[in-house]
Amino acid sequence: MHHRHYRWVIVGAGGVMGCMAAGAMFSLPVFLRPIAHDTGWSVTGVSTAMTIGFLAMAFASMAWGSLSDRLGPRPVVLAGSVLLAASLTLASLAPSLLAFQLLFGLLAGTATAAILPPMMACVTGWFDTHRSLAVSLVSAGIGIAPMTMAPFAAWLITWQDWRTSMQIIALLVTVVMIPAALLVRRAPALAHPAAPASADEPAAPAAREMTTRQVLASPQFMVLCATNFFCCATHSGPIFHTVSYAITCGIPVIAAVSIYSAEGFAGLFGRVAFGLLGDRFGARQILILGLLAQAFGALAYVFASGLASFYAAAILFGFIYAGIMPLYAVIARENFPLRLMGTVIGGTSMAGALGMATGPITGGLIYDSFATYTWLYVGAWVLGLLAVLVALTFRPVPQESAPEQAPQPAPAG
């Protein structure tokens, strides 16, 4: 069938756009010192643009996701691609620090949110088999960004000033992301709503009839959001402070950065491995086991001292935390209506982004207070165990008694 083949085009388009969007956002650390040196703006001030970007991503995710439910994913990801290119171009021309913070942070963060949740939602609708793997491959595009876009930005800055370099990235975003966005299509089950809801709509019969309000008020949605928040809060601090922690343990700067890269590289394999495991054993079961492993992976950093032990901890931790993230979208797809998938995944993404925003600040406060990172990793372990306990309370949407339907005899079994 044509759909069988085209669904992998959707995966490819999602992976490319995710890589470009995340890469454009995460090029800021590369430009950080050149911007501060050229403009006289403080490093903290320029860094604040990234914090604003995370918050903008969080609060825009649900809005873009809901819009993709109404209009389809293509107009939303196309708008996000255009907005991202515009934000980078305008930020490169920013005359003041406040203008830069708003043009880069607010606009780029909002634009990135238009890519990730709608594409995750779109892909879940195209797959009734290999769904966990497909979502993981889209997510892998985000994981590739630090190994592609960041080095590209670093290379640009060696022969151009930061403003020109950012304009070149904006041009690249335009010529790559806009054509990729035009390849995106609605899932067949939504493109042809008159078709019977067979394998294309595997959610429970009750779930198919849920309204947006019922979905957002459901315990399943709340548990997914809470789990994602604590999950991201668990790995946010360890990810952000890995390099700094390694340096405080006597690891040279270049080697410390390579530990961070190894963590990201391991995540690529984790996404694929957990996707395959989720397809085989069930996304919820693998998520719970992964969350438990993540908690102890964070704790493993406490026992790291030399370069070899840091590499071991980073590879283990990166493999796990990156692997479990795509499973939230799969669980959402199994429990909620396909027509509301953008809203659901946008909501869980918002919770995750808020969790991510906690780590950098908390880690900094802990280090400033105790002159050691030990309590950051112990705290991450506790948060990780809390994520497991929350995830264990998740119960699939019940099969019986669809909401807003006339009472009818309960089905057998």
Protein backbone atom coordinates (compact mmCIF):
# COMPACT_ATOMS: atom_id res chain seq x y z
CA MET A 1 0.00 0.00 0.00
CA HIS A 2 1.07 3.58 -0.71
CA HIS A 3 0.45 4.52 2.96
CA ARG A 4 2.84 1.81 4.11
CA HIS A 5 5.70 3.39 2.20
CA TYR A 6 4.81 7.06 2.65
CA ARG A 7 4.69 6.77 6.44
CA TRP A 8 8.50 6.46 6.43
CA VAL A 9 8.69 9.72 4.44
CA ILE A 10 6.79 11.34 7.31
CA VAL A 11 9.32 9.89 9.77
CA GLY A 12 12.22 11.23 7.66
CA ALA A 13 10.66 14.70 7.36
CA GLY A 14 10.02 14.78 11.11
CA GLY A 15 13.57 13.72 11.93
CA VAL A 16 15.10 16.35 9.61
CA MET A 17 12.90 19.17 10.90
CA GLY A 18 13.48 18.14 14.53
CA CYS A 19 17.24 18.15 13.97
CA MET A 20 17.19 21.58 12.33
CA ALA A 21 14.86 23.17 14.89
CA ALA A 22 16.63 21.79 17.96
CA GLY A 23 20.02 22.50 16.35
CA ALA A 24 19.13 26.12 15.65
CA MET A 25 18.02 26.59 19.27
CA PHE A 26 21.07 24.84 20.70
CA SER A 27 23.48 26.82 18.53
CA LEU A 28 23.21 29.60 21.12
CA PRO A 29 25.80 28.06 23.51
CA VAL A 30 28.26 28.07 20.58
CA PHE A 31 27.55 31.74 19.88
CA LEU A 32 27.46 32.70 23.56
CA ARG A 33 30.95 34.13 24.04
CA PRO A 34 31.30 35.65 20.54
CA ILE A 35 28.00 37.52 21.09
CA ALA A 36 29.07 38.73 24.55
CA HIS A 37 32.51 39.77 23.27
CA ASP A 38 31.13 41.62 20.23
CA THR A 39 28.23 43.42 21.91
CA GLY A 40 29.34 43.86 25.51
CA TRP A 41 26.19 42.09 26.70
CA SER A 42 26.71 39.88 29.75
CA VAL A 43 27.06 36.12 29.37
CA THR A 44 24.19 35.74 31.83
CA GLY A 45 22.05 38.11 29.78
CA VAL A 46 22.68 36.23 26.53
CA SER A 47 22.13 32.89 28.30
CA THR A 48 18.77 34.14 29.54
CA ALA A 49 17.57 33.96 25.95
CA MET A 50 17.86 30.16 26.24
CA THR A 51 15.78 30.09 29.42
CA ILE A 52 13.14 32.22 27.70
CA GLY A 53 13.31 29.79 24.78
CA PHE A 54 12.61 26.77 27.02
CA LEU A 55 9.66 28.53 28.66
CA ALA A 56 8.30 29.62 25.27
CA MET A 57 8.60 26.02 24.04
CA ALA A 58 6.70 24.81 27.10
CA PHE A 59 3.76 27.16 26.82
CA ALA A 60 3.53 27.11 23.01
CA SER A 61 3.61 23.30 22.72
CA MET A 62 -0.01 22.75 23.67
CA ALA A 63 -1.28 25.65 21.54
CA TRP A 64 0.53 24.43 18.42
CA GLY A 65 -0.52 20.84 19.16
CA SER A 66 -4.19 21.84 19.41
CA LEU A 67 -3.88 23.86 16.20
CA SER A 68 -2.44 20.84 14.40
CA ASP A 69 -5.48 18.83 15.50
CA ARG A 70 -7.74 21.39 13.82
CA LEU A 71 -5.78 22.37 10.73
CA GLY A 72 -3.55 19.34 10.21
CA PRO A 73 0.20 19.17 10.85
CA ARG A 74 1.43 20.64 7.54
CA PRO A 75 0.28 24.28 8.06
CA VAL A 76 1.59 24.23 11.63
CA VAL A 77 5.08 22.87 10.89
CA LEU A 78 5.29 25.15 7.84
CA ALA A 79 4.46 28.17 10.01
CA GLY A 80 7.01 27.00 12.58
CA SER A 81 9.71 26.66 9.92
CA VAL A 82 9.07 30.16 8.56
CA LEU A 83 8.94 31.62 12.09
CA LEU A 84 12.23 29.93 13.05
CA ALA A 85 14.03 31.31 9.99
CA ALA A 86 12.59 34.77 10.69
CA SER A 87 13.54 34.66 14.39
CA LEU A 88 17.17 33.76 13.62
CA THR A 89 17.41 36.47 10.97
CA LEU A 90 15.87 39.13 13.22
CA ALA A 91 17.94 38.05 16.25
CA SER A 92 21.11 38.44 14.16
CA LEU A 93 20.14 42.10 13.64
CA ALA A 94 19.15 42.75 17.28
CA PRO A 95 20.31 46.20 18.44
CA SER A 96 19.94 45.50 22.17
CA LEU A 97 20.10 42.61 24.64
CA LEU A 98 16.34 42.75 25.35
CA ALA A 99 15.58 42.63 21.63
CA PHE A 100 17.89 39.63 21.25
CA GLN A 101 16.30 37.81 24.20
CA LEU A 102 12.83 38.27 22.73
CA LEU A 103 13.72 37.64 19.08
CA PHE A 104 15.85 34.56 19.76
CA GLY A 105 14.35 33.22 22.97
CA LEU A 106 10.66 33.94 22.59
CA LEU A 107 10.34 33.52 18.82
CA ALA A 108 12.75 30.58 18.30
CA GLY A 109 11.30 28.74 21.31
CA THR A 110 7.77 29.26 20.03
CA ALA A 111 8.80 28.15 16.53
CA THR A 112 10.51 24.98 17.79
CA ALA A 113 7.36 24.03 19.68
CA ALA A 114 5.49 24.14 16.36
CA ILE A 115 7.69 21.32 15.02
CA LEU A 116 8.16 18.71 17.72
CA PRO A 117 4.71 17.94 19.27
CA PRO A 118 2.78 18.17 15.95
CA MET A 119 5.27 15.86 14.20
CA MET A 120 5.20 13.35 17.07
CA ALA A 121 1.40 13.39 16.95
CA CYS A 122 1.40 13.05 13.16
CA VAL A 123 3.74 10.07 13.16
CA THR A 124 1.74 8.17 15.80
CA GLY A 125 -1.27 8.34 13.49
CA TRP A 126 0.59 6.90 10.50
CA PHE A 127 1.73 3.74 12.31
CA ASP A 128 -0.30 0.87 13.70
CA THR A 129 2.82 -1.34 13.71
CA HIS A 130 6.39 -0.31 14.63
CA ARG A 131 4.92 2.80 16.28
CA SER A 132 7.46 3.03 19.11
CA LEU A 133 10.35 2.70 16.64
CA ALA A 134 8.88 5.34 14.31
CA VAL A 135 8.40 7.90 17.10
CA SER A 136 11.90 7.13 18.39
CA LEU A 137 13.40 7.77 14.95
CA VAL A 138 11.72 11.18 14.76
CA SER A 139 13.05 11.90 18.24
CA ALA A 140 16.51 10.75 17.11
CA GLY A 141 16.59 13.75 14.78
CA ILE A 142 16.63 15.96 17.87
CA GLY A 143 19.44 13.84 19.30
CA ILE A 144 21.56 14.28 16.17
CA ALA A 145 21.37 18.09 16.42
CA PRO A 146 24.25 18.52 18.93
CA MET A 147 26.48 16.42 16.66
CA THR A 148 25.57 18.23 13.42
CA MET A 149 24.21 21.74 13.86
CA ALA A 150 26.41 22.68 16.85
CA PRO A 151 29.71 21.77 15.07
CA PHE A 152 28.42 23.55 11.94
CA ALA A 153 27.77 26.69 14.01
CA ALA A 154 31.23 26.36 15.58
CA TRP A 155 32.79 26.11 12.11
CA LEU A 156 30.87 29.15 10.87
CA ILE A 157 32.04 31.26 13.79
CA THR A 158 35.70 30.59 12.88
CA TRP A 159 35.41 32.54 9.62
CA GLN A 160 32.38 34.81 10.08
CA ASP A 161 31.05 37.05 12.85
CA TRP A 162 28.12 35.72 14.91
CA ARG A 163 25.52 37.84 13.08
CA THR A 164 26.46 36.50 9.64
CA SER A 165 26.75 32.96 11.02
CA MET A 166 23.23 33.14 12.45
CA GLN A 167 21.93 34.44 9.10
CA ILE A 168 23.55 31.47 7.32
CA ILE A 169 21.80 29.08 9.73
CA ALA A 170 18.52 30.93 9.06
CA LEU A 171 19.07 30.39 5.31
CA LEU A 172 19.78 26.69 5.90
CA VAL A 173 16.59 26.40 7.98
CA THR A 174 14.65 27.97 5.10
CA VAL A 175 15.99 25.74 2.32
CA VAL A 176 15.76 22.50 4.33
CA MET A 177 12.78 22.82 6.67
CA ILE A 178 10.21 24.42 4.37
CA PRO A 179 10.47 21.68 1.66
CA ALA A 180 10.41 19.02 4.42
CA ALA A 181 7.27 20.62 5.91
CA LEU A 182 5.54 20.40 2.52
CA LEU A 183 6.00 16.60 2.59
CA VAL A 184 3.95 16.28 5.79
CA ARG A 185 0.41 14.92 5.48
CA ARG A 186 -2.38 14.07 7.89
CA ALA A 187 -2.64 10.44 8.97
CA PRO A 188 -4.89 8.48 6.56
CA ALA A 189 -7.47 7.82 9.31
CA LEU A 190 -7.90 11.60 9.76
CA ALA A 191 -7.55 12.53 6.10
CA HIS A 192 -10.49 10.19 5.34
CA PRO A 193 -12.64 10.37 8.47
CA ALA A 194 -15.47 8.43 6.87
CA ALA A 195 -13.27 5.34 6.80
CA PRO A 196 -13.97 2.77 9.51
CA ALA A 197 -11.78 3.08 12.60
CA SER A 198 -10.04 -0.25 12.48
CA ALA A 199 -6.34 -0.68 13.19
CA ASP A 200 -5.78 3.00 12.39
CA GLU A 201 -7.61 3.93 15.61
CA PRO A 202 -6.54 1.43 18.25
CA ALA A 203 -7.50 3.54 21.27
CA ALA A 204 -10.19 2.16 23.55
CA PRO A 205 -13.78 2.68 22.28
CA ALA A 206 -14.43 4.98 25.24
CA ALA A 207 -11.37 7.05 24.39
CA ARG A 208 -12.49 7.65 20.80
CA GLU A 209 -15.53 9.58 22.00
CA MET A 210 -13.66 11.79 24.49
CA THR A 211 -13.85 15.56 24.11
CA THR A 212 -10.83 17.83 24.55
CA ARG A 213 -12.04 18.83 28.01
CA GLN A 214 -12.52 15.20 29.05
CA VAL A 215 -9.04 14.31 27.82
CA LEU A 216 -7.35 17.16 29.69
CA ALA A 217 -9.28 16.36 32.88
CA SER A 218 -8.61 12.61 32.70
CA PRO A 219 -6.35 10.98 35.30
CA GLN A 220 -4.43 9.30 32.46
CA PHE A 221 -3.44 12.66 30.95
CA MET A 222 -2.52 14.10 34.35
CA VAL A 223 -0.39 11.08 35.23
CA LEU A 224 1.42 11.24 31.86
CA CYS A 225 2.17 14.96 32.37
CA ALA A 226 3.32 14.47 35.96
CA THR A 227 5.52 11.53 34.99
CA ASN A 228 7.10 13.50 32.15
CA PHE A 229 7.72 16.48 34.45
CA PHE A 230 9.55 14.40 37.07
CA CYS A 231 11.34 12.40 34.38
CA CYS A 232 12.72 15.56 32.73
CA ALA A 233 13.51 17.15 36.10
CA THR A 234 15.54 14.00 36.84
CA HIS A 235 17.84 14.29 33.82
CA SER A 236 17.84 18.06 33.28
CA GLY A 237 20.35 18.94 36.03
CA PRO A 238 22.73 16.04 35.29
CA ILE A 239 22.72 16.87 31.54
CA PHE A 240 23.32 20.60 32.00
CA HIS A 241 26.00 20.27 34.70
CA THR A 242 27.89 17.22 33.35
CA VAL A 243 30.78 19.28 31.93
CA SER A 244 31.07 21.51 35.00
CA TYR A 245 30.94 18.51 37.37
CA ALA A 246 33.66 16.67 35.42
CA ILE A 247 35.90 19.75 35.53
CA THR A 248 35.46 20.02 39.32
CA CYS A 249 36.65 16.40 39.50
CA GLY A 250 39.87 17.33 37.72
CA ILE A 251 38.91 16.29 34.18
CA PRO A 252 40.45 18.63 31.52
CA VAL A 253 37.96 20.89 29.73
CA ILE A 254 38.24 19.22 26.29
CA ALA A 255 37.79 15.78 27.82
CA ALA A 256 34.84 17.03 29.89
CA VAL A 257 33.10 18.27 26.73
CA SER A 258 33.73 14.90 25.08
CA ILE A 259 31.92 13.21 28.01
CA TYR A 260 28.88 15.35 27.20
CA SER A 261 29.15 14.36 23.52
CA ALA A 262 29.39 10.67 24.44
CA GLU A 263 26.20 11.04 26.49
CA GLY A 264 24.38 12.50 23.48
CA PHE A 265 25.78 9.89 21.08
CA ALA A 266 24.67 7.04 23.34
CA GLY A 267 21.19 8.57 23.32
CA LEU A 268 20.85 7.86 19.59
CA PHE A 269 21.19 4.14 20.23
CA GLY A 270 18.94 4.40 23.27
CA ARG A 271 16.09 5.88 21.22
CA VAL A 272 16.20 3.03 18.71
CA ALA A 273 16.65 0.32 21.35
CA PHE A 274 13.81 1.55 23.54
CA GLY A 275 11.61 1.98 20.46
CA LEU A 276 12.15 -1.66 19.51
CA LEU A 277 11.58 -2.78 23.12
CA GLY A 278 8.40 -0.69 23.35
CA ASP A 279 7.01 -2.36 20.22
CA ARG A 280 7.86 -5.78 21.57
CA PHE A 281 6.91 -5.58 25.26
CA GLY A 282 4.61 -2.55 25.49
CA ALA A 283 5.49 1.13 25.83
CA ARG A 284 4.17 1.51 29.39
CA GLN A 285 6.14 -1.42 30.79
CA ILE A 286 9.36 -0.31 29.11
CA LEU A 287 8.82 3.29 30.28
CA ILE A 288 8.53 2.21 33.92
CA LEU A 289 11.66 0.04 33.71
CA GLY A 290 13.47 2.85 31.89
CA LEU A 291 12.51 5.41 34.55
CA LEU A 292 13.87 3.11 37.26
CA ALA A 293 17.11 2.64 35.32
CA GLN A 294 17.34 6.42 34.76
CA ALA A 295 17.15 7.09 38.51
CA PHE A 296 20.09 4.80 39.23
CA GLY A 297 21.91 6.09 36.12
CA ALA A 298 21.81 9.59 37.65
CA LEU A 299 23.07 8.21 40.96
CA ALA A 300 25.98 6.51 39.15
CA TYR A 301 27.54 9.96 38.56
CA VAL A 302 28.12 10.28 42.33
CA PHE A 303 30.63 7.43 42.08
CA ALA A 304 32.39 8.80 38.97
CA SER A 305 35.84 10.28 39.50
CA GLY A 306 38.25 9.50 36.65
CA LEU A 307 37.68 9.88 32.91
CA ALA A 308 36.81 6.21 32.33
CA SER A 309 34.13 6.14 35.03
CA PHE A 310 32.68 9.42 33.75
CA TYR A 311 32.43 7.97 30.23
CA ALA A 312 30.72 4.85 31.62
CA ALA A 313 28.19 6.90 33.60
CA ALA A 314 27.53 9.27 30.67
CA ILE A 315 27.01 6.48 28.12
CA LEU A 316 24.66 4.61 30.48
CA PHE A 317 22.70 7.73 31.42
CA GLY A 318 22.47 9.08 27.85
CA PHE A 319 21.31 5.71 26.50
CA ILE A 320 18.50 5.54 29.07
CA TYR A 321 17.13 9.08 29.32
CA ALA A 322 17.01 9.61 25.54
CA GLY A 323 15.47 6.19 25.01
CA ILE A 324 12.49 6.65 27.29
CA MET A 325 11.39 10.08 26.05
CA PRO A 326 9.58 9.00 22.83
CA LEU A 327 7.53 6.40 24.73
CA TYR A 328 5.22 9.08 26.16
CA ALA A 329 3.86 9.78 22.68
CA VAL A 330 3.22 6.08 22.10
CA ILE A 331 1.32 5.70 25.38
CA ALA A 332 -0.72 8.80 24.53
CA ARG A 333 -1.62 7.30 21.15
CA GLU A 334 -2.76 4.06 22.76
CA ASN A 335 -5.13 5.82 25.16
CA PHE A 336 -6.50 8.95 23.53
CA PRO A 337 -8.27 9.83 20.25
CA LEU A 338 -6.06 10.31 17.22
CA ARG A 339 -7.93 13.53 16.38
CA LEU A 340 -6.71 15.07 19.70
CA MET A 341 -3.16 13.71 19.59
CA GLY A 342 -1.56 17.12 18.99
CA THR A 343 -3.23 18.51 22.12
CA VAL A 344 -2.24 15.52 24.25
CA ILE A 345 1.39 15.38 23.10
CA GLY A 346 1.61 19.18 23.28
CA GLY A 347 0.45 18.98 26.91
CA THR A 348 2.94 16.29 27.89
CA SER A 349 5.68 18.21 26.05
CA MET A 350 4.82 21.32 28.05
CA ALA A 351 5.18 19.37 31.30
CA GLY A 352 8.52 17.97 30.12
CA ALA A 353 9.87 21.39 29.13
CA LEU A 354 8.94 22.81 32.54
CA GLY A 355 10.77 19.88 34.14
CA MET A 356 13.81 20.64 31.96
CA ALA A 357 13.77 24.27 33.13
CA THR A 358 14.30 23.20 36.77
CA GLY A 359 17.67 21.45 36.41
CA PRO A 360 20.11 24.22 35.44
CA ILE A 361 18.92 26.57 38.21
CA THR A 362 18.68 23.87 40.89
CA GLY A 363 22.13 22.49 40.06
CA GLY A 364 23.66 25.95 40.22
CA LEU A 365 22.06 26.69 43.59
CA ILE A 366 23.22 23.33 45.02
CA TYR A 367 26.80 23.87 43.85
CA ASP A 368 26.89 27.45 45.13
CA SER A 369 25.54 26.32 48.52
CA PHE A 370 27.55 23.14 49.09
CA ALA A 371 30.57 23.55 46.74
CA THR A 372 29.84 20.05 45.44
CA TYR A 373 27.53 18.50 42.86
CA THR A 374 26.88 15.33 44.90
CA TRP A 375 23.49 16.49 46.17
CA LEU A 376 22.37 17.36 42.63
CA TYR A 377 22.78 13.73 41.57
CA VAL A 378 21.30 12.35 44.79
CA GLY A 379 18.35 14.70 44.29
CA ALA A 380 18.02 13.52 40.68
CA TRP A 381 17.91 9.93 41.95
CA VAL A 382 15.04 10.83 44.31
CA LEU A 383 13.16 12.63 41.51
CA GLY A 384 13.72 9.60 39.28
CA LEU A 385 12.19 7.26 41.85
CA LEU A 386 9.27 9.69 42.20
CA ALA A 387 8.75 9.50 38.42
CA VAL A 388 8.58 5.69 38.72
CA LEU A 389 5.98 5.87 41.49
CA VAL A 390 3.83 8.31 39.49
CA ALA A 391 4.11 6.15 36.35
CA LEU A 392 2.97 3.09 38.31
CA THR A 393 -0.37 4.82 38.99
CA PHE A 394 -1.16 5.01 35.25
CA ARG A 395 -4.16 2.94 34.25
CA PRO A 396 -5.19 2.64 30.58
CA VAL A 397 -8.41 4.39 29.54
CA PRO A 398 -11.20 1.91 30.39
CA GLN A 399 -12.81 0.00 27.56
CA GLU A 400 -16.36 0.30 28.81
CA SER A 401 -18.92 3.12 29.00
CA ALA A 402 -17.86 5.67 26.44
CA PRO A 403 -18.42 9.23 27.71
CA GLU A 404 -21.43 11.17 26.45
CA GLN A 405 -23.09 8.06 25.07
CA ALA A 406 -26.46 6.66 26.05
CA PRO A 407 -26.19 3.92 28.67
CA GLN A 408 -25.84 0.52 27.09
CA PRO A 409 -25.08 -2.99 28.28
CA ALA A 410 -21.46 -3.44 29.26
CA PRO A 411 -19.58 -5.55 26.68
CA ALA A 412 -18.63 -9.02 27.74
CA GLY A 413 -15.14 -9.33 29.20
